[in-house]
N, C-alpha and C. Protein backbone atom coordinates (compact mmCIF):
# COMPACT_ATOMS: atom_id res chain seq x y z
N MET A 1 0.85 -1.18 0.00
CA MET A 1 0.00 0.00 0.00
C MET A 1 0.89 1.23 0.00
N GLN A 2 0.67 2.10 -0.94
CA GLN A 2 1.43 3.34 -1.02
C GLN A 2 0.62 4.47 -0.39
N PHE A 3 1.21 5.13 0.59
CA PHE A 3 0.59 6.30 1.19
C PHE A 3 1.41 7.51 0.82
N ASN A 4 0.76 8.68 0.74
CA ASN A 4 1.54 9.89 0.53
C ASN A 4 2.31 10.19 1.82
N HIS A 5 3.15 11.22 1.77
CA HIS A 5 3.99 11.53 2.93
C HIS A 5 3.16 11.71 4.21
N TYR A 6 2.08 12.47 4.12
CA TYR A 6 1.29 12.73 5.32
C TYR A 6 0.48 11.52 5.74
N GLY A 7 -0.09 10.81 4.80
CA GLY A 7 -0.87 9.63 5.14
C GLY A 7 -0.01 8.51 5.67
N GLY A 8 1.23 8.42 5.21
CA GLY A 8 2.11 7.34 5.63
C GLY A 8 2.98 7.70 6.81
N GLU A 9 3.84 8.69 6.61
CA GLU A 9 4.81 9.00 7.66
C GLU A 9 4.14 9.53 8.93
N ALA A 10 3.15 10.38 8.79
CA ALA A 10 2.48 10.90 9.99
C ALA A 10 1.66 9.81 10.68
N ALA A 11 1.12 8.86 9.93
CA ALA A 11 0.41 7.73 10.55
C ALA A 11 1.41 6.84 11.29
N ARG A 12 2.58 6.60 10.67
CA ARG A 12 3.62 5.82 11.37
C ARG A 12 4.12 6.57 12.60
N LEU A 13 4.17 7.90 12.52
CA LEU A 13 4.53 8.69 13.69
C LEU A 13 3.50 8.48 14.80
N ALA A 14 2.22 8.47 14.44
CA ALA A 14 1.17 8.23 15.44
C ALA A 14 1.38 6.89 16.13
N ALA A 15 1.67 5.84 15.36
CA ALA A 15 1.91 4.52 15.94
C ALA A 15 3.16 4.54 16.83
N ALA A 16 4.22 5.20 16.37
CA ALA A 16 5.45 5.27 17.16
C ALA A 16 5.22 6.02 18.47
N LEU A 17 4.44 7.08 18.44
CA LEU A 17 4.13 7.82 19.66
C LEU A 17 3.32 6.96 20.63
N VAL A 18 2.37 6.18 20.10
CA VAL A 18 1.59 5.29 20.95
C VAL A 18 2.50 4.25 21.60
N ASN A 19 3.51 3.78 20.87
CA ASN A 19 4.41 2.75 21.38
C ASN A 19 5.52 3.29 22.26
N ALA A 20 5.71 4.60 22.29
CA ALA A 20 6.79 5.19 23.09
C ALA A 20 6.55 4.98 24.58
N GLY A 21 7.63 4.70 25.28
CA GLY A 21 7.53 4.52 26.73
C GLY A 21 7.37 5.84 27.44
N PRO A 22 6.89 5.82 28.67
CA PRO A 22 6.64 7.07 29.41
C PRO A 22 7.91 7.88 29.69
N ALA A 23 9.07 7.24 29.69
CA ALA A 23 10.31 7.97 29.95
C ALA A 23 11.11 8.24 28.69
N ASP A 24 10.62 7.80 27.54
CA ASP A 24 11.34 7.98 26.28
C ASP A 24 11.43 9.45 25.89
N ASP A 25 12.59 9.84 25.37
CA ASP A 25 12.77 11.18 24.82
C ASP A 25 12.07 11.22 23.47
N LEU A 26 11.12 12.11 23.30
CA LEU A 26 10.34 12.16 22.07
C LEU A 26 11.04 12.91 20.94
N SER A 27 12.06 13.69 21.25
CA SER A 27 12.73 14.49 20.21
C SER A 27 13.32 13.63 19.09
N PRO A 28 14.10 12.57 19.39
CA PRO A 28 14.64 11.75 18.29
C PRO A 28 13.53 11.06 17.50
N LEU A 29 12.48 10.64 18.18
CA LEU A 29 11.36 9.99 17.52
C LEU A 29 10.69 10.95 16.54
N LEU A 30 10.47 12.19 16.95
CA LEU A 30 9.86 13.19 16.08
C LEU A 30 10.74 13.46 14.87
N ARG A 31 12.05 13.62 15.10
CA ARG A 31 12.98 13.86 13.98
C ARG A 31 12.99 12.68 13.00
N ALA A 32 12.98 11.46 13.54
CA ALA A 32 13.01 10.27 12.69
C ALA A 32 11.78 10.18 11.79
N HIS A 33 10.70 10.84 12.18
CA HIS A 33 9.47 10.81 11.39
C HIS A 33 9.21 12.14 10.67
N GLY A 34 10.27 12.91 10.45
CA GLY A 34 10.17 14.09 9.60
C GLY A 34 9.69 15.37 10.27
N ILE A 35 9.66 15.40 11.61
CA ILE A 35 9.27 16.64 12.30
C ILE A 35 10.55 17.42 12.60
N HIS A 36 10.85 18.39 11.76
CA HIS A 36 12.08 19.18 11.90
C HIS A 36 11.75 20.56 12.43
N ARG A 37 11.23 20.59 13.62
CA ARG A 37 10.87 21.82 14.32
C ARG A 37 11.54 21.77 15.68
N PRO A 38 11.57 22.89 16.39
CA PRO A 38 12.16 22.84 17.73
C PRO A 38 11.42 21.82 18.60
N PRO A 39 12.15 21.02 19.37
CA PRO A 39 11.49 20.01 20.21
C PRO A 39 10.59 20.68 21.25
N PRO A 40 9.51 20.03 21.63
CA PRO A 40 8.63 20.63 22.64
C PRO A 40 9.33 20.67 24.00
N GLY A 41 9.00 21.69 24.78
CA GLY A 41 9.51 21.78 26.13
C GLY A 41 8.76 20.82 27.05
N PRO A 42 9.06 20.84 28.35
CA PRO A 42 8.41 19.90 29.27
C PRO A 42 6.88 19.99 29.25
N ARG A 43 6.34 21.19 29.19
CA ARG A 43 4.88 21.35 29.13
C ARG A 43 4.33 20.76 27.83
N GLY A 44 5.02 21.01 26.72
CA GLY A 44 4.61 20.48 25.43
C GLY A 44 4.67 18.95 25.40
N VAL A 45 5.70 18.39 26.04
CA VAL A 45 5.82 16.92 26.10
C VAL A 45 4.64 16.34 26.88
N ARG A 46 4.29 16.97 28.00
CA ARG A 46 3.13 16.49 28.78
C ARG A 46 1.85 16.58 27.95
N GLU A 47 1.68 17.68 27.22
CA GLU A 47 0.51 17.85 26.38
C GLU A 47 0.48 16.80 25.26
N LEU A 48 1.64 16.55 24.66
CA LEU A 48 1.73 15.56 23.59
C LEU A 48 1.44 14.16 24.11
N ARG A 49 1.98 13.82 25.28
CA ARG A 49 1.72 12.48 25.86
C ARG A 49 0.23 12.31 26.19
N ALA A 50 -0.40 13.35 26.68
CA ALA A 50 -1.85 13.27 26.96
C ALA A 50 -2.62 13.09 25.65
N TRP A 51 -2.22 13.79 24.61
CA TRP A 51 -2.84 13.65 23.28
C TRP A 51 -2.73 12.21 22.79
N VAL A 52 -1.54 11.65 22.92
CA VAL A 52 -1.29 10.28 22.47
C VAL A 52 -2.18 9.31 23.25
N ARG A 53 -2.19 9.46 24.56
CA ARG A 53 -2.95 8.55 25.43
C ARG A 53 -4.46 8.65 25.18
N GLU A 54 -4.96 9.87 25.09
CA GLU A 54 -6.41 10.09 25.01
C GLU A 54 -6.97 10.04 23.59
N ARG A 55 -6.20 10.45 22.59
CA ARG A 55 -6.74 10.56 21.23
C ARG A 55 -6.17 9.55 20.25
N LEU A 56 -4.86 9.34 20.27
CA LEU A 56 -4.26 8.45 19.27
C LEU A 56 -4.39 6.98 19.64
N ALA A 57 -4.05 6.62 20.87
CA ALA A 57 -4.05 5.20 21.26
C ALA A 57 -5.38 4.50 20.99
N PRO A 58 -6.53 5.13 21.27
CA PRO A 58 -7.80 4.44 20.99
C PRO A 58 -8.05 4.18 19.50
N CYS A 59 -7.32 4.83 18.62
CA CYS A 59 -7.50 4.62 17.17
C CYS A 59 -6.87 3.31 16.70
N PHE A 60 -6.02 2.72 17.53
CA PHE A 60 -5.34 1.47 17.18
C PHE A 60 -5.91 0.34 18.02
N THR A 61 -6.55 -0.62 17.37
CA THR A 61 -7.04 -1.82 18.06
C THR A 61 -6.73 -3.02 17.19
N ALA A 62 -6.67 -4.18 17.81
CA ALA A 62 -6.39 -5.41 17.06
C ALA A 62 -7.51 -5.67 16.07
N SER A 63 -7.13 -5.98 14.84
CA SER A 63 -8.14 -6.27 13.82
C SER A 63 -7.95 -7.65 13.21
N GLY A 64 -6.84 -8.30 13.53
CA GLY A 64 -6.58 -9.62 12.97
C GLY A 64 -6.37 -9.59 11.47
N GLY A 65 -6.07 -8.42 10.91
CA GLY A 65 -5.83 -8.31 9.48
C GLY A 65 -7.08 -8.43 8.63
N ARG A 66 -8.23 -8.27 9.25
CA ARG A 66 -9.50 -8.39 8.52
C ARG A 66 -10.30 -7.10 8.64
N PRO A 67 -11.16 -6.84 7.66
CA PRO A 67 -12.02 -5.65 7.76
C PRO A 67 -12.82 -5.65 9.06
N LEU A 68 -13.05 -4.47 9.58
CA LEU A 68 -13.74 -4.34 10.86
C LEU A 68 -15.24 -4.56 10.71
N ALA A 69 -15.83 -5.11 11.76
CA ALA A 69 -17.29 -5.23 11.82
C ALA A 69 -17.88 -3.83 11.85
N PRO A 70 -19.13 -3.67 11.45
CA PRO A 70 -19.72 -2.32 11.39
C PRO A 70 -19.63 -1.54 12.71
N GLU A 71 -19.83 -2.22 13.84
CA GLU A 71 -19.75 -1.52 15.14
C GLU A 71 -18.31 -1.07 15.42
N ALA A 72 -17.35 -1.94 15.12
CA ALA A 72 -15.94 -1.60 15.34
C ALA A 72 -15.50 -0.48 14.40
N LEU A 73 -15.98 -0.51 13.18
CA LEU A 73 -15.66 0.55 12.22
C LEU A 73 -16.22 1.88 12.70
N ALA A 74 -17.45 1.88 13.18
CA ALA A 74 -18.05 3.12 13.70
C ALA A 74 -17.26 3.65 14.89
N GLU A 75 -16.81 2.74 15.75
CA GLU A 75 -16.03 3.16 16.92
C GLU A 75 -14.68 3.73 16.49
N ARG A 76 -14.02 3.07 15.54
CA ARG A 76 -12.72 3.56 15.03
C ARG A 76 -12.90 4.95 14.44
N CYS A 77 -13.93 5.14 13.63
CA CYS A 77 -14.18 6.44 13.01
C CYS A 77 -14.48 7.50 14.07
N ALA A 78 -15.20 7.13 15.11
CA ALA A 78 -15.50 8.08 16.20
C ALA A 78 -14.21 8.52 16.89
N HIS A 79 -13.29 7.59 17.11
CA HIS A 79 -12.00 7.94 17.73
C HIS A 79 -11.19 8.87 16.83
N VAL A 80 -11.15 8.57 15.54
CA VAL A 80 -10.41 9.42 14.60
C VAL A 80 -11.06 10.80 14.52
N ASN A 81 -12.39 10.84 14.47
CA ASN A 81 -13.08 12.14 14.44
C ASN A 81 -12.80 12.94 15.71
N SER A 82 -12.72 12.28 16.84
CA SER A 82 -12.40 12.96 18.09
C SER A 82 -11.01 13.59 18.01
N ALA A 83 -10.06 12.84 17.44
CA ALA A 83 -8.70 13.39 17.28
C ALA A 83 -8.71 14.57 16.32
N LEU A 84 -9.45 14.45 15.22
CA LEU A 84 -9.53 15.56 14.27
C LEU A 84 -10.14 16.81 14.91
N GLU A 85 -11.18 16.59 15.68
CA GLU A 85 -11.85 17.71 16.35
C GLU A 85 -10.91 18.39 17.34
N GLN A 86 -10.20 17.59 18.10
CA GLN A 86 -9.28 18.13 19.10
C GLN A 86 -8.10 18.86 18.45
N ALA A 87 -7.65 18.33 17.31
CA ALA A 87 -6.50 18.94 16.63
C ALA A 87 -6.90 20.23 15.92
N ALA A 88 -8.15 20.32 15.49
CA ALA A 88 -8.66 21.52 14.81
C ALA A 88 -7.70 21.97 13.71
N SER A 89 -7.35 21.03 12.83
CA SER A 89 -6.42 21.36 11.77
C SER A 89 -7.14 22.02 10.60
N LEU A 90 -6.42 22.82 9.88
CA LEU A 90 -6.95 23.49 8.70
C LEU A 90 -5.95 23.26 7.57
N PRO A 91 -6.28 22.41 6.60
CA PRO A 91 -5.33 22.12 5.52
C PRO A 91 -4.95 23.38 4.75
N ARG A 92 -3.67 23.42 4.35
CA ARG A 92 -3.16 24.51 3.54
C ARG A 92 -2.19 23.93 2.51
N VAL A 93 -2.11 24.56 1.37
CA VAL A 93 -1.11 24.18 0.38
C VAL A 93 0.15 24.98 0.69
N SER A 94 1.26 24.27 0.84
CA SER A 94 2.53 24.90 1.18
C SER A 94 3.49 24.78 0.00
N LEU A 95 4.34 25.78 -0.15
CA LEU A 95 5.38 25.77 -1.19
C LEU A 95 6.76 25.94 -0.58
N HIS A 96 6.92 25.65 0.72
CA HIS A 96 8.19 25.95 1.38
C HIS A 96 9.38 25.22 0.76
N ASP A 97 9.17 24.09 0.10
CA ASP A 97 10.29 23.40 -0.55
C ASP A 97 10.21 23.47 -2.08
N GLY A 98 9.34 24.34 -2.60
CA GLY A 98 9.21 24.53 -4.03
C GLY A 98 8.17 23.66 -4.71
N THR A 99 7.65 22.66 -4.01
CA THR A 99 6.64 21.76 -4.57
C THR A 99 5.36 21.88 -3.76
N PRO A 100 4.22 22.09 -4.41
CA PRO A 100 2.98 22.20 -3.64
C PRO A 100 2.66 20.89 -2.91
N HIS A 101 2.37 21.00 -1.64
CA HIS A 101 1.95 19.85 -0.83
C HIS A 101 1.14 20.36 0.35
N LEU A 102 0.41 19.44 0.98
CA LEU A 102 -0.47 19.84 2.08
C LEU A 102 0.27 19.92 3.41
N HIS A 103 -0.09 20.94 4.16
CA HIS A 103 0.26 21.05 5.57
C HIS A 103 -1.07 21.17 6.31
N TYR A 104 -1.12 20.69 7.51
CA TYR A 104 -2.39 20.70 8.25
C TYR A 104 -2.42 21.77 9.33
N GLY A 105 -1.69 22.82 9.11
CA GLY A 105 -1.67 23.97 9.99
C GLY A 105 -0.72 25.00 9.40
N PRO A 106 -0.65 26.17 10.00
CA PRO A 106 0.26 27.20 9.48
C PRO A 106 1.72 26.75 9.59
N GLU A 107 2.55 27.23 8.69
CA GLU A 107 3.96 26.83 8.69
C GLU A 107 4.68 27.22 9.97
N ASP A 108 4.23 28.27 10.64
CA ASP A 108 4.88 28.70 11.87
C ASP A 108 4.22 28.10 13.12
N GLN A 109 3.38 27.09 12.94
CA GLN A 109 2.69 26.45 14.06
C GLN A 109 3.72 25.78 14.99
N GLU A 110 3.46 25.85 16.29
CA GLU A 110 4.38 25.22 17.24
C GLU A 110 4.34 23.71 17.07
N THR A 111 5.36 23.03 17.56
CA THR A 111 5.57 21.61 17.30
C THR A 111 4.42 20.73 17.75
N VAL A 112 3.91 20.92 18.95
CA VAL A 112 2.84 20.06 19.47
C VAL A 112 1.59 20.19 18.62
N GLY A 113 1.21 21.41 18.26
CA GLY A 113 0.05 21.62 17.40
C GLY A 113 0.24 20.98 16.03
N HIS A 114 1.45 21.08 15.50
CA HIS A 114 1.75 20.47 14.21
C HIS A 114 1.64 18.95 14.27
N VAL A 115 2.18 18.35 15.33
CA VAL A 115 2.11 16.89 15.48
C VAL A 115 0.66 16.44 15.65
N LYS A 116 -0.11 17.15 16.44
CA LYS A 116 -1.52 16.81 16.62
C LYS A 116 -2.27 16.85 15.29
N ALA A 117 -2.12 17.96 14.56
CA ALA A 117 -2.83 18.12 13.30
C ALA A 117 -2.40 17.07 12.27
N SER A 118 -1.10 16.84 12.16
CA SER A 118 -0.59 15.89 11.17
C SER A 118 -1.00 14.46 11.48
N THR A 119 -0.90 14.05 12.74
CA THR A 119 -1.24 12.66 13.07
C THR A 119 -2.74 12.42 12.95
N ALA A 120 -3.55 13.37 13.37
CA ALA A 120 -5.01 13.20 13.25
C ALA A 120 -5.41 13.10 11.78
N ALA A 121 -4.87 13.99 10.95
CA ALA A 121 -5.20 13.97 9.52
C ALA A 121 -4.70 12.68 8.87
N ALA A 122 -3.53 12.20 9.28
CA ALA A 122 -2.98 10.98 8.70
C ALA A 122 -3.83 9.76 9.04
N LEU A 123 -4.29 9.68 10.29
CA LEU A 123 -5.14 8.54 10.66
C LEU A 123 -6.46 8.59 9.88
N ALA A 124 -7.00 9.79 9.69
CA ALA A 124 -8.22 9.93 8.89
C ALA A 124 -7.95 9.51 7.45
N TYR A 125 -6.81 9.87 6.92
CA TYR A 125 -6.44 9.49 5.56
C TYR A 125 -6.36 7.97 5.43
N VAL A 126 -5.72 7.30 6.38
CA VAL A 126 -5.61 5.84 6.34
C VAL A 126 -6.99 5.19 6.38
N VAL A 127 -7.83 5.64 7.30
CA VAL A 127 -9.17 5.07 7.45
C VAL A 127 -9.99 5.27 6.17
N CYS A 128 -9.89 6.44 5.57
CA CYS A 128 -10.73 6.75 4.40
C CYS A 128 -10.12 6.28 3.08
N ALA A 129 -8.81 6.37 2.92
CA ALA A 129 -8.20 6.06 1.63
C ALA A 129 -7.84 4.59 1.45
N SER A 130 -7.70 3.86 2.55
CA SER A 130 -7.39 2.43 2.41
C SER A 130 -8.42 1.63 3.19
N SER A 131 -8.22 1.47 4.48
CA SER A 131 -9.18 0.74 5.29
C SER A 131 -8.87 0.94 6.77
N ALA A 132 -9.90 1.02 7.57
CA ALA A 132 -9.73 1.27 9.00
C ALA A 132 -8.97 0.15 9.69
N HIS A 133 -9.04 -1.07 9.17
CA HIS A 133 -8.35 -2.18 9.85
C HIS A 133 -6.83 -2.10 9.68
N ARG A 134 -6.33 -1.18 8.86
CA ARG A 134 -4.89 -1.03 8.71
C ARG A 134 -4.24 -0.32 9.90
N LEU A 135 -5.02 0.20 10.82
CA LEU A 135 -4.50 0.72 12.09
C LEU A 135 -4.68 -0.41 13.09
N GLY A 136 -3.61 -1.12 13.40
CA GLY A 136 -3.76 -2.33 14.20
C GLY A 136 -2.88 -2.38 15.43
N ARG A 137 -3.07 -3.47 16.16
CA ARG A 137 -2.25 -3.81 17.33
C ARG A 137 -1.69 -5.20 17.10
N CYS A 138 -0.43 -5.39 17.44
CA CYS A 138 0.26 -6.66 17.25
C CYS A 138 -0.42 -7.77 18.05
N ALA A 139 -0.62 -8.91 17.40
CA ALA A 139 -1.25 -10.06 18.05
C ALA A 139 -0.34 -10.67 19.11
N ARG A 140 0.95 -10.35 19.08
CA ARG A 140 1.88 -10.92 20.06
C ARG A 140 2.21 -9.95 21.19
N CYS A 141 2.63 -8.72 20.84
CA CYS A 141 3.12 -7.80 21.87
C CYS A 141 2.18 -6.62 22.13
N GLY A 142 1.20 -6.41 21.27
CA GLY A 142 0.25 -5.32 21.47
C GLY A 142 0.70 -3.96 20.96
N ALA A 143 1.86 -3.90 20.29
CA ALA A 143 2.34 -2.62 19.77
C ALA A 143 1.43 -2.14 18.64
N ALA A 144 1.26 -0.83 18.56
CA ALA A 144 0.46 -0.22 17.49
C ALA A 144 1.28 -0.23 16.20
N TYR A 145 0.60 -0.42 15.06
CA TYR A 145 1.27 -0.36 13.76
C TYR A 145 0.29 0.12 12.70
N VAL A 146 0.86 0.58 11.59
CA VAL A 146 0.08 0.93 10.40
C VAL A 146 0.43 -0.11 9.35
N ASP A 147 -0.56 -0.86 8.90
CA ASP A 147 -0.35 -1.93 7.93
C ASP A 147 -0.23 -1.33 6.53
N THR A 148 0.99 -1.32 6.01
CA THR A 148 1.23 -0.80 4.67
C THR A 148 1.48 -1.95 3.69
N SER A 149 1.18 -3.18 4.11
CA SER A 149 1.39 -4.32 3.22
C SER A 149 0.42 -4.26 2.05
N ARG A 150 0.78 -4.91 0.98
CA ARG A 150 -0.05 -4.89 -0.21
C ARG A 150 -1.42 -5.52 0.05
N ALA A 151 -1.44 -6.66 0.75
CA ALA A 151 -2.70 -7.37 0.98
C ALA A 151 -3.52 -6.78 2.12
N GLY A 152 -2.88 -6.05 3.03
CA GLY A 152 -3.61 -5.47 4.16
C GLY A 152 -4.10 -6.50 5.15
N ARG A 153 -3.33 -7.57 5.37
CA ARG A 153 -3.76 -8.64 6.27
C ARG A 153 -2.78 -8.84 7.42
N ARG A 154 -2.03 -7.84 7.73
CA ARG A 154 -1.00 -7.94 8.75
C ARG A 154 -1.63 -8.08 10.15
N THR A 155 -1.01 -8.92 10.99
CA THR A 155 -1.49 -9.07 12.37
C THR A 155 -0.37 -8.87 13.39
N TYR A 156 0.85 -8.67 12.92
CA TYR A 156 2.00 -8.47 13.81
C TYR A 156 2.70 -7.16 13.48
N CYS A 157 3.35 -6.59 14.48
CA CYS A 157 4.04 -5.31 14.25
C CYS A 157 5.31 -5.49 13.43
N THR A 158 5.98 -6.62 13.59
CA THR A 158 7.23 -6.89 12.88
C THR A 158 7.30 -8.36 12.49
N VAL A 159 8.22 -8.68 11.60
CA VAL A 159 8.47 -10.07 11.23
C VAL A 159 8.97 -10.83 12.46
N ARG A 160 9.72 -10.17 13.30
CA ARG A 160 10.23 -10.83 14.52
C ARG A 160 9.08 -11.32 15.40
N CYS A 161 8.08 -10.50 15.63
CA CYS A 161 6.93 -10.92 16.44
C CYS A 161 6.19 -12.07 15.76
N ALA A 162 6.04 -12.01 14.44
CA ALA A 162 5.37 -13.09 13.71
C ALA A 162 6.15 -14.39 13.87
N ASN A 163 7.48 -14.33 13.72
CA ASN A 163 8.31 -15.52 13.86
C ASN A 163 8.26 -16.07 15.29
N ASN A 164 8.35 -15.19 16.27
CA ASN A 164 8.30 -15.64 17.67
C ASN A 164 6.98 -16.32 17.99
N ASP A 165 5.90 -15.78 17.44
CA ASP A 165 4.59 -16.40 17.67
C ASP A 165 4.49 -17.76 16.98
N ALA A 166 5.03 -17.86 15.76
CA ALA A 166 5.02 -19.14 15.04
C ALA A 166 5.85 -20.19 15.79
N VAL A 167 7.00 -19.80 16.32
CA VAL A 167 7.84 -20.72 17.09
C VAL A 167 7.11 -21.17 18.35
N ALA A 168 6.46 -20.24 19.03
CA ALA A 168 5.72 -20.58 20.26
C ALA A 168 4.58 -21.55 19.95
N ARG A 169 3.87 -21.32 18.85
CA ARG A 169 2.80 -22.26 18.46
C ARG A 169 3.36 -23.63 18.12
N HIS A 170 4.50 -23.66 17.41
CA HIS A 170 5.12 -24.92 17.05
C HIS A 170 5.55 -25.69 18.30
N ARG A 171 6.19 -25.01 19.22
CA ARG A 171 6.64 -25.66 20.45
C ARG A 171 5.46 -26.13 21.30
N GLY A 172 4.36 -25.39 21.23
CA GLY A 172 3.16 -25.78 21.97
C GLY A 172 2.55 -27.07 21.43
N ARG A 173 2.70 -27.30 20.13
CA ARG A 173 2.18 -28.53 19.53
C ARG A 173 3.10 -29.72 19.79
N ALA A 174 4.38 -29.46 19.96
CA ALA A 174 5.37 -30.56 20.11
C ALA A 174 5.32 -31.22 21.47
């Protein structure tokens, strides 16, 4: 599955933020996902962690790599809409690098507001442009992930988790 920069990278940023530990430094994580703005201060980090806990984390639930039932789909959409409402993003066409592309807030927006707007819009993009079940939780470790596989049937966050689960099942049968 091919996502544009905002639908893909910002959605992966949302998953990475959900998976971040409470003591993890968020600055390297933000940079690794294309957020090249001044890192948030302590107050901004607290605000961002609350955003992740209250708005982003509920958007990721185990789907088993299958389309969601109507009730689960409605719940997923409600969580994404809540994030969009809280982020209050306003799409704009930006030319800061010479090529027109979307930004979900003003170019001078502070980092926390930018992350909120970008991640909320990205999750909405994934749900609407591909399928809501592509926002998942690993069947082995529970980590959040964005399924970018061609078939859209992923159930593990990494090949390592899939292999570990297969080995555990094999040993359980032996």
